[in-house]
Amino acid sequence: MEDLSKDEGFCIKVYSPGNFIAKSIVIEGDVNIGTGNIKQKFSDEQIAQAITAINGENLPLNSKRLWAAVYWYLRWACGFPVKTQDFCDRVKLLPLGELEYPCEYNSIRHFTTLTFMNQDATQLDKVKPSKNDDAFFQQCRVVVFALQKELGKAYLPRHKK
């Protein structure tokens, strides 16, 4: 058995469907991985910044109904409320400012009941939408990837200017 007491960090082996093994990972700061019951920890400001970055014409969140995708991801990755009205109330607490496409309960309530919304959005490769829901799932997928990318920037080191 290897003596890890002298290490300053952790050695993590990651097994993915693509047989990728990470032998060494260096991470500075707190990190929580959004799998299973573990939720990623982002501040309201980080979440708001990510949403603002993808909201608008010619951006992934380009309609009010696509807030269902934001609901889907934040529910699974960040522990946002499952009830649609509670989610919308929670979004109102975020420092979003004026958005081109704001979150509205009546615009997403129907979409948040689709069966794929009950599957973990952080595990997109495992989500199986019905044939009827596939077109909307594909649109949501684009929003989820964009939101993941923007939230991932929160963990990047900040460079002082």
Foldseek 3Di string as FASTA:
>chain_A
DDDCPPPPDDADFDQDPVRDTRGHDDAPDDAWDQDDPIATDDDLALLLVLCQVQFDPPGLNDEQQLVLLVVLQCCRHPVQDLQLVSNLVVNVPRPNPDTPHHHDSVSHVVVSPAPQSPPRLVPVVPGDHDPVCVVVVVSSNRVNVSSVVSSVVVRDDDDDD
